[in-house]
PDB file of all heavy atoms in Angstrom:
ATOM      1  N   VAL A   1     144.546  41.873  74.367  1.00  0.00           N
ATOM      2  CA  VAL A   1     143.581  42.104  75.434  1.00  0.00           C
ATOM      3  C   VAL A   1     142.495  41.049  75.290  1.00  0.00           C
ATOM      4  O   VAL A   1     141.947  40.859  74.205  1.00  0.00           O
ATOM      5  CB  VAL A   1     142.974  43.520  75.358  1.00  0.00           C
ATOM      6  CG1 VAL A   1     141.895  43.695  76.418  1.00  0.00           C
ATOM      7  CG2 VAL A   1     144.049  44.586  75.503  1.00  0.00           C
ATOM      8  N   GLU A   2     142.208  40.366  76.397  1.00  0.00           N
ATOM      9  CA  GLU A   2     141.149  39.366  76.388  1.00  0.00           C
ATOM     10  C   GLU A   2     139.871  39.977  76.954  1.00  0.00           C
ATOM     11  O   GLU A   2     139.862  40.497  78.062  1.00  0.00           O
ATOM     12  CB  GLU A   2     141.544  38.144  77.216  1.00  0.00           C
ATOM     13  CG  GLU A   2     140.491  37.061  77.176  1.00  0.00           C
ATOM     14  CD  GLU A   2     140.899  35.795  77.906  1.00  0.00           C
ATOM     15  OE1 GLU A   2     141.927  35.794  78.604  1.00  0.00           O
ATOM     16  OE2 GLU A   2     140.157  34.798  77.771  1.00  0.00           O
ATOM     17  N   LEU A   3     138.815  39.924  76.167  1.00  0.00           N
ATOM     18  CA  LEU A   3     137.491  40.318  76.615  1.00  0.00           C
ATOM     19  C   LEU A   3     136.812  39.037  77.052  1.00  0.00           C
ATOM     20  O   LEU A   3     136.654  38.105  76.242  1.00  0.00           O
ATOM     21  CB  LEU A   3     136.714  41.008  75.501  1.00  0.00           C
ATOM     22  CG  LEU A   3     137.155  42.439  75.160  1.00  0.00           C
ATOM     23  CD1 LEU A   3     138.467  42.478  74.395  1.00  0.00           C
ATOM     24  CD2 LEU A   3     136.083  43.142  74.375  1.00  0.00           C
ATOM     25  N   LYS A   4     136.454  38.946  78.345  1.00  0.00           N
ATOM     26  CA  LYS A   4     135.935  37.699  78.900  1.00  0.00           C
ATOM     27  C   LYS A   4     134.944  38.004  80.005  1.00  0.00           C
ATOM     28  O   LYS A   4     134.914  39.125  80.538  1.00  0.00           O
ATOM     29  CB  LYS A   4     137.078  36.841  79.428  1.00  0.00           C
ATOM     30  CG  LYS A   4     137.855  37.495  80.556  1.00  0.00           C
ATOM     31  CD  LYS A   4     139.048  36.662  80.975  1.00  0.00           C
ATOM     32  CE  LYS A   4     139.811  37.374  82.097  1.00  0.00           C
ATOM     33  NZ  LYS A   4     140.974  36.613  82.507  1.00  0.00           N
ATOM     34  N   PRO A   5     134.129  37.017  80.375  1.00  0.00           N
ATOM     35  CA  PRO A   5     133.181  37.241  81.470  1.00  0.00           C
ATOM     36  C   PRO A   5     133.921  37.692  82.733  1.00  0.00           C
ATOM     37  O   PRO A   5     134.991  37.186  83.058  1.00  0.00           O
ATOM     38  CB  PRO A   5     132.548  35.857  81.670  1.00  0.00           C
ATOM     39  CG  PRO A   5     132.670  35.203  80.322  1.00  0.00           C
ATOM     40  CD  PRO A   5     133.989  35.686  79.783  1.00  0.00           C
ATOM     41  N   GLY A   6     133.360  38.702  83.407  1.00  0.00           N
ATOM     42  CA  GLY A   6     133.943  39.204  84.636  1.00  0.00           C
ATOM     43  C   GLY A   6     135.067  40.196  84.437  1.00  0.00           C
ATOM     44  O   GLY A   6     135.748  40.572  85.387  1.00  0.00           O
ATOM     45  N   SER A   7     135.272  40.662  83.218  1.00  0.00           N
ATOM     46  CA  SER A   7     136.381  41.573  82.907  1.00  0.00           C
ATOM     47  C   SER A   7     135.923  42.539  81.820  1.00  0.00           C
ATOM     48  O   SER A   7     134.801  43.000  81.810  1.00  0.00           O
ATOM     49  CB  SER A   7     137.595  40.740  82.471  1.00  0.00           C
ATOM     50  OG  SER A   7     138.709  41.561  82.225  1.00  0.00           O
ATOM     51  N   TYR A   8     136.812  42.831  80.882  1.00  0.00           N
ATOM     52  CA  TYR A   8     136.436  43.652  79.731  1.00  0.00           C
ATOM     53  C   TYR A   8     135.490  42.859  78.841  1.00  0.00           C
ATOM     54  O   TYR A   8     135.618  41.637  78.708  1.00  0.00           O
ATOM     55  CB  TYR A   8     137.662  44.020  78.887  1.00  0.00           C
ATOM     56  CG  TYR A   8     138.677  44.868  79.595  1.00  0.00           C
ATOM     57  CD1 TYR A   8     139.967  44.401  79.802  1.00  0.00           C
ATOM     58  CD2 TYR A   8     138.365  46.152  80.038  1.00  0.00           C
ATOM     59  CE1 TYR A   8     140.916  45.177  80.437  1.00  0.00           C
ATOM     60  CE2 TYR A   8     139.304  46.933  80.674  1.00  0.00           C
ATOM     61  CZ  TYR A   8     140.590  46.443  80.882  1.00  0.00           C
ATOM     62  OH  TYR A   8     141.514  47.212  81.516  1.00  0.00           O
ATOM     63  N   HIS A   9     134.546  43.554  78.204  1.00  0.00           N
ATOM     64  CA  HIS A   9     133.629  42.917  77.260  1.00  0.00           C
ATOM     65  C   HIS A   9     132.923  43.991  76.445  1.00  0.00           C
ATOM     66  O   HIS A   9     132.924  45.155  76.812  1.00  0.00           O
ATOM     67  CB  HIS A   9     132.601  42.039  77.986  1.00  0.00           C
ATOM     68  CG  HIS A   9     131.801  42.762  79.020  1.00  0.00           C
ATOM     69  ND1 HIS A   9     132.285  43.037  80.288  1.00  0.00           N
ATOM     70  CD2 HIS A   9     130.556  43.296  78.984  1.00  0.00           C
ATOM     71  CE1 HIS A   9     131.371  43.694  80.978  1.00  0.00           C
ATOM     72  NE2 HIS A   9     130.304  43.869  80.196  1.00  0.00           N
ATOM     73  N   VAL A  10     132.354  43.580  75.316  1.00  0.00           N
ATOM     74  CA  VAL A  10     131.465  44.484  74.592  1.00  0.00           C
ATOM     75  C   VAL A  10     130.061  44.197  75.110  1.00  0.00           C
ATOM     76  O   VAL A  10     129.751  43.079  75.526  1.00  0.00           O
ATOM     77  CB  VAL A  10     131.543  44.318  73.048  1.00  0.00           C
ATOM     78  CG1 VAL A  10     132.918  44.706  72.542  1.00  0.00           C
ATOM     79  CG2 VAL A  10     131.179  42.923  72.604  1.00  0.00           C
ATOM     80  N   MET A  11     129.226  45.221  75.121  1.00  0.00           N
ATOM     81  CA  MET A  11     127.880  45.088  75.665  1.00  0.00           C
ATOM     82  C   MET A  11     126.868  45.379  74.569  1.00  0.00           C
ATOM     83  O   MET A  11     126.926  46.423  73.918  1.00  0.00           O
ATOM     84  CB  MET A  11     127.728  46.091  76.806  1.00  0.00           C
ATOM     85  CG  MET A  11     126.666  45.798  77.779  1.00  0.00           C
ATOM     86  SD  MET A  11     127.106  44.399  78.822  1.00  0.00           S
ATOM     87  CE  MET A  11     125.538  44.185  79.600  1.00  0.00           C
ATOM     88  N   PHE A  12     125.984  44.425  74.324  1.00  0.00           N
ATOM     89  CA  PHE A  12     124.859  44.607  73.409  1.00  0.00           C
ATOM     90  C   PHE A  12     123.751  45.262  74.228  1.00  0.00           C
ATOM     91  O   PHE A  12     123.249  44.661  75.174  1.00  0.00           O
ATOM     92  CB  PHE A  12     124.362  43.263  72.880  1.00  0.00           C
ATOM     93  CG  PHE A  12     125.364  42.487  72.066  1.00  0.00           C
ATOM     94  CD1 PHE A  12     126.250  41.591  72.674  1.00  0.00           C
ATOM     95  CD2 PHE A  12     125.409  42.630  70.695  1.00  0.00           C
ATOM     96  CE1 PHE A  12     127.153  40.863  71.922  1.00  0.00           C
ATOM     97  CE2 PHE A  12     126.317  41.901  69.928  1.00  0.00           C
ATOM     98  CZ  PHE A  12     127.187  41.015  70.544  1.00  0.00           C
ATOM     99  N   MET A  13     123.360  46.484  73.881  1.00  0.00           N
ATOM    100  CA  MET A  13     122.368  47.236  74.647  1.00  0.00           C
ATOM    101  C   MET A  13     121.082  47.379  73.823  1.00  0.00           C
ATOM    102  O   MET A  13     121.132  47.744  72.654  1.00  0.00           O
ATOM    103  CB  MET A  13     122.902  48.627  74.987  1.00  0.00           C
ATOM    104  CG  MET A  13     124.260  48.637  75.682  1.00  0.00           C
ATOM    105  SD  MET A  13     124.245  47.923  77.320  1.00  0.00           S
ATOM    106  CE  MET A  13     123.343  49.182  78.201  1.00  0.00           C
ATOM    107  N   GLY A  14     119.945  47.110  74.446  1.00  0.00           N
ATOM    108  CA  GLY A  14     118.673  47.232  73.746  1.00  0.00           C
ATOM    109  C   GLY A  14     118.478  46.142  72.712  1.00  0.00           C
ATOM    110  O   GLY A  14     118.065  46.407  71.581  1.00  0.00           O
ATOM    111  N   VAL A  15     118.756  44.899  73.090  1.00  0.00           N
ATOM    112  CA  VAL A  15     118.575  43.764  72.179  1.00  0.00           C
ATOM    113  C   VAL A  15     117.081  43.581  71.920  1.00  0.00           C
ATOM    114  O   VAL A  15     116.282  43.543  72.856  1.00  0.00           O
ATOM    115  CB  VAL A  15     119.206  42.488  72.767  1.00  0.00           C
ATOM    116  CG1 VAL A  15     118.903  41.278  71.903  1.00  0.00           C
ATOM    117  CG2 VAL A  15     120.707  42.673  72.950  1.00  0.00           C
ATOM    118  N   THR A  16     116.721  43.496  70.651  1.00  0.00           N
ATOM    119  CA  THR A  16     115.309  43.386  70.285  1.00  0.00           C
ATOM    120  C   THR A  16     114.841  41.936  70.165  1.00  0.00           C
ATOM    121  O   THR A  16     113.686  41.639  70.404  1.00  0.00           O
ATOM    122  CB  THR A  16     115.055  44.107  68.955  1.00  0.00           C
ATOM    123  OG1 THR A  16     115.978  43.614  67.982  1.00  0.00           O
ATOM    124  CG2 THR A  16     115.247  45.610  69.117  1.00  0.00           C
ATOM    125  N   ASP A  17     115.726  41.033  69.788  1.00  0.00           N
ATOM    126  CA  ASP A  17     115.392  39.619  69.630  1.00  0.00           C
ATOM    127  C   ASP A  17     116.516  38.832  70.305  1.00  0.00           C
ATOM    128  O   ASP A  17     117.632  38.779  69.800  1.00  0.00           O
ATOM    129  CB  ASP A  17     115.290  39.287  68.137  1.00  0.00           C
ATOM    130  CG  ASP A  17     114.905  37.845  67.878  1.00  0.00           C
ATOM    131  OD1 ASP A  17     114.308  37.210  68.769  1.00  0.00           O
ATOM    132  OD2 ASP A  17     115.216  37.347  66.786  1.00  0.00           O
ATOM    133  N   GLY A  18     116.217  38.256  71.472  1.00  0.00           N
ATOM    134  CA  GLY A  18     117.234  37.567  72.274  1.00  0.00           C
ATOM    135  C   GLY A  18     118.050  36.557  71.489  1.00  0.00           C
ATOM    136  O   GLY A  18     117.561  35.925  70.556  1.00  0.00           O
ATOM    137  N   PHE A  19     119.305  36.411  71.872  1.00  0.00           N
ATOM    138  CA  PHE A  19     120.229  35.489  71.210  1.00  0.00           C
ATOM    139  C   PHE A  19     119.907  34.060  71.637  1.00  0.00           C
ATOM    140  O   PHE A  19     119.684  33.789  72.817  1.00  0.00           O
ATOM    141  CB  PHE A  19     121.672  35.809  71.569  1.00  0.00           C
ATOM    142  CG  PHE A  19     122.077  37.244  71.341  1.00  0.00           C
ATOM    143  CD1 PHE A  19     123.172  37.768  72.006  1.00  0.00           C
ATOM    144  CD2 PHE A  19     121.399  38.075  70.462  1.00  0.00           C
ATOM    145  CE1 PHE A  19     123.579  39.080  71.808  1.00  0.00           C
ATOM    146  CE2 PHE A  19     121.792  39.389  70.253  1.00  0.00           C
ATOM    147  CZ  PHE A  19     122.887  39.891  70.933  1.00  0.00           C
ATOM    148  N   LYS A  20     119.948  33.147  70.665  1.00  0.00           N
ATOM    149  CA  LYS A  20     119.653  31.749  70.919  1.00  0.00           C
ATOM    150  C   LYS A  20     120.904  30.900  70.681  1.00  0.00           C
ATOM    151  O   LYS A  20     121.638  31.130  69.734  1.00  0.00           O
ATOM    152  CB  LYS A  20     118.512  31.287  70.019  1.00  0.00           C
ATOM    153  CG  LYS A  20     117.204  31.994  70.359  1.00  0.00           C
ATOM    154  CD  LYS A  20     116.155  31.786  69.291  1.00  0.00           C
ATOM    155  CE  LYS A  20     114.922  32.628  69.560  1.00  0.00           C
ATOM    156  NZ  LYS A  20     115.152  34.054  69.606  1.00  0.00           N
ATOM    157  N   GLU A  21     121.111  29.940  71.568  1.00  0.00           N
ATOM    158  CA  GLU A  21     122.281  29.079  71.464  1.00  0.00           C
ATOM    159  C   GLU A  21     122.388  28.467  70.076  1.00  0.00           C
ATOM    160  O   GLU A  21     121.402  28.004  69.510  1.00  0.00           O
ATOM    161  CB  GLU A  21     122.210  27.976  72.523  1.00  0.00           C
ATOM    162  CG  GLU A  21     123.461  27.134  72.577  1.00  0.00           C
ATOM    163  CD  GLU A  21     123.479  26.158  73.736  1.00  0.00           C
ATOM    164  OE1 GLU A  21     122.570  26.182  74.592  1.00  0.00           O
ATOM    165  OE2 GLU A  21     124.426  25.347  73.783  1.00  0.00           O
ATOM    166  N   GLY A  22     123.596  28.510  69.521  1.00  0.00           N
ATOM    167  CA  GLY A  22     123.861  27.920  68.217  1.00  0.00           C
ATOM    168  C   GLY A  22     123.775  28.898  67.060  1.00  0.00           C
ATOM    169  O   GLY A  22     124.276  28.612  65.980  1.00  0.00           O
ATOM    170  N   GLU A  23     123.148  30.051  67.260  1.00  0.00           N
ATOM    171  CA  GLU A  23     123.070  31.007  66.159  1.00  0.00           C
ATOM    172  C   GLU A  23     124.329  31.879  66.117  1.00  0.00           C
ATOM    173  O   GLU A  23     125.186  31.803  66.984  1.00  0.00           O
ATOM    174  CB  GLU A  23     121.798  31.842  66.217  1.00  0.00           C
ATOM    175  CG  GLU A  23     121.750  32.909  67.274  1.00  0.00           C
ATOM    176  CD  GLU A  23     120.481  33.756  67.199  1.00  0.00           C
ATOM    177  OE1 GLU A  23     119.910  33.941  66.099  1.00  0.00           O
ATOM    178  OE2 GLU A  23     120.048  34.237  68.248  1.00  0.00           O
ATOM    179  N   THR A  24     124.421  32.698  65.084  1.00  0.00           N
ATOM    180  CA  THR A  24     125.538  33.612  64.895  1.00  0.00           C
ATOM    181  C   THR A  24     124.991  35.030  64.853  1.00  0.00           C
ATOM    182  O   THR A  24     124.003  35.299  64.179  1.00  0.00           O
ATOM    183  CB  THR A  24     126.268  33.289  63.563  1.00  0.00           C
ATOM    184  OG1 THR A  24     126.736  31.935  63.629  1.00  0.00           O
ATOM    185  CG2 THR A  24     127.446  34.201  63.352  1.00  0.00           C
ATOM    186  N   ILE A  25     125.649  35.935  65.591  1.00  0.00           N
ATOM    187  CA  ILE A  25     125.233  37.333  65.657  1.00  0.00           C
ATOM    188  C   ILE A  25     126.246  38.177  64.887  1.00  0.00           C
ATOM    189  O   ILE A  25     127.428  38.222  65.238  1.00  0.00           O
ATOM    190  CB  ILE A  25     125.159  37.830  67.126  1.00  0.00           C
ATOM    191  CG1 ILE A  25     124.288  36.901  67.981  1.00  0.00           C
ATOM    192  CG2 ILE A  25     124.704  39.277  67.187  1.00  0.00           C
ATOM    193  CD1 ILE A  25     122.862  36.746  67.512  1.00  0.00           C
ATOM    194  N   GLU A  26     125.789  38.816  63.820  1.00  0.00           N
ATOM    195  CA  GLU A  26     126.663  39.680  63.024  1.00  0.00           C
ATOM    196  C   GLU A  26     126.914  40.988  63.763  1.00  0.00           C
ATOM    197  O   GLU A  26     126.020  41.518  64.424  1.00  0.00           O
ATOM    198  CB  GLU A  26     126.020  39.974  61.666  1.00  0.00           C
ATOM    199  CG  GLU A  26     125.737  38.748  60.824  1.00  0.00           C
ATOM    200  CD  GLU A  26     126.986  37.998  60.406  1.00  0.00           C
ATOM    201  OE1 GLU A  26     128.009  38.651  60.117  1.00  0.00           O
ATOM    202  OE2 GLU A  26     126.941  36.753  60.376  1.00  0.00           O
ATOM    203  N   GLY A  27     128.118  41.499  63.652  1.00  0.00           N
ATOM    204  CA  GLY A  27     128.456  42.760  64.285  1.00  0.00           C
ATOM    205  C   GLY A  27     129.654  43.398  63.610  1.00  0.00           C
ATOM    206  O   GLY A  27     130.297  42.786  62.745  1.00  0.00           O
ATOM    207  N   THR A  28     129.947  44.617  63.991  1.00  0.00           N
ATOM    208  CA  THR A  28     131.108  45.339  63.488  1.00  0.00           C
ATOM    209  C   THR A  28     131.797  46.005  64.667  1.00  0.00           C
ATOM    210  O   THR A  28     131.167  46.776  65.401  1.00  0.00           O
ATOM    211  CB  THR A  28     130.685  46.410  62.461  1.00  0.00           C
ATOM    212  OG1 THR A  28     129.997  45.760  61.384  1.00  0.00           O
ATOM    213  CG2 THR A  28     131.887  47.161  61.922  1.00  0.00           C
ATOM    214  N   LEU A  29     133.068  45.677  64.861  1.00  0.00           N
ATOM    215  CA  LEU A  29     133.859  46.364  65.866  1.00  0.00           C
ATOM    216  C   LEU A  29     134.417  47.624  65.232  1.00  0.00           C
ATOM    217  O   LEU A  29     134.856  47.608  64.083  1.00  0.00           O
ATOM    218  CB  LEU A  29     135.018  45.486  66.347  1.00  0.00           C
ATOM    219  CG  LEU A  29     134.630  44.173  67.025  1.00  0.00           C
ATOM    220  CD1 LEU A  29     135.888  43.393  67.391  1.00  0.00           C
ATOM    221  CD2 LEU A  29     133.764  44.411  68.245  1.00  0.00           C
TER     222      LEU A  29
END
């Protein structure tokens, strides 16, 4: 299953510090 813009995706809700280009966001599926 491809999660991609305009289709299925995971949603980060209530982000406290916006994501900046080039950084890495840690997460757990």
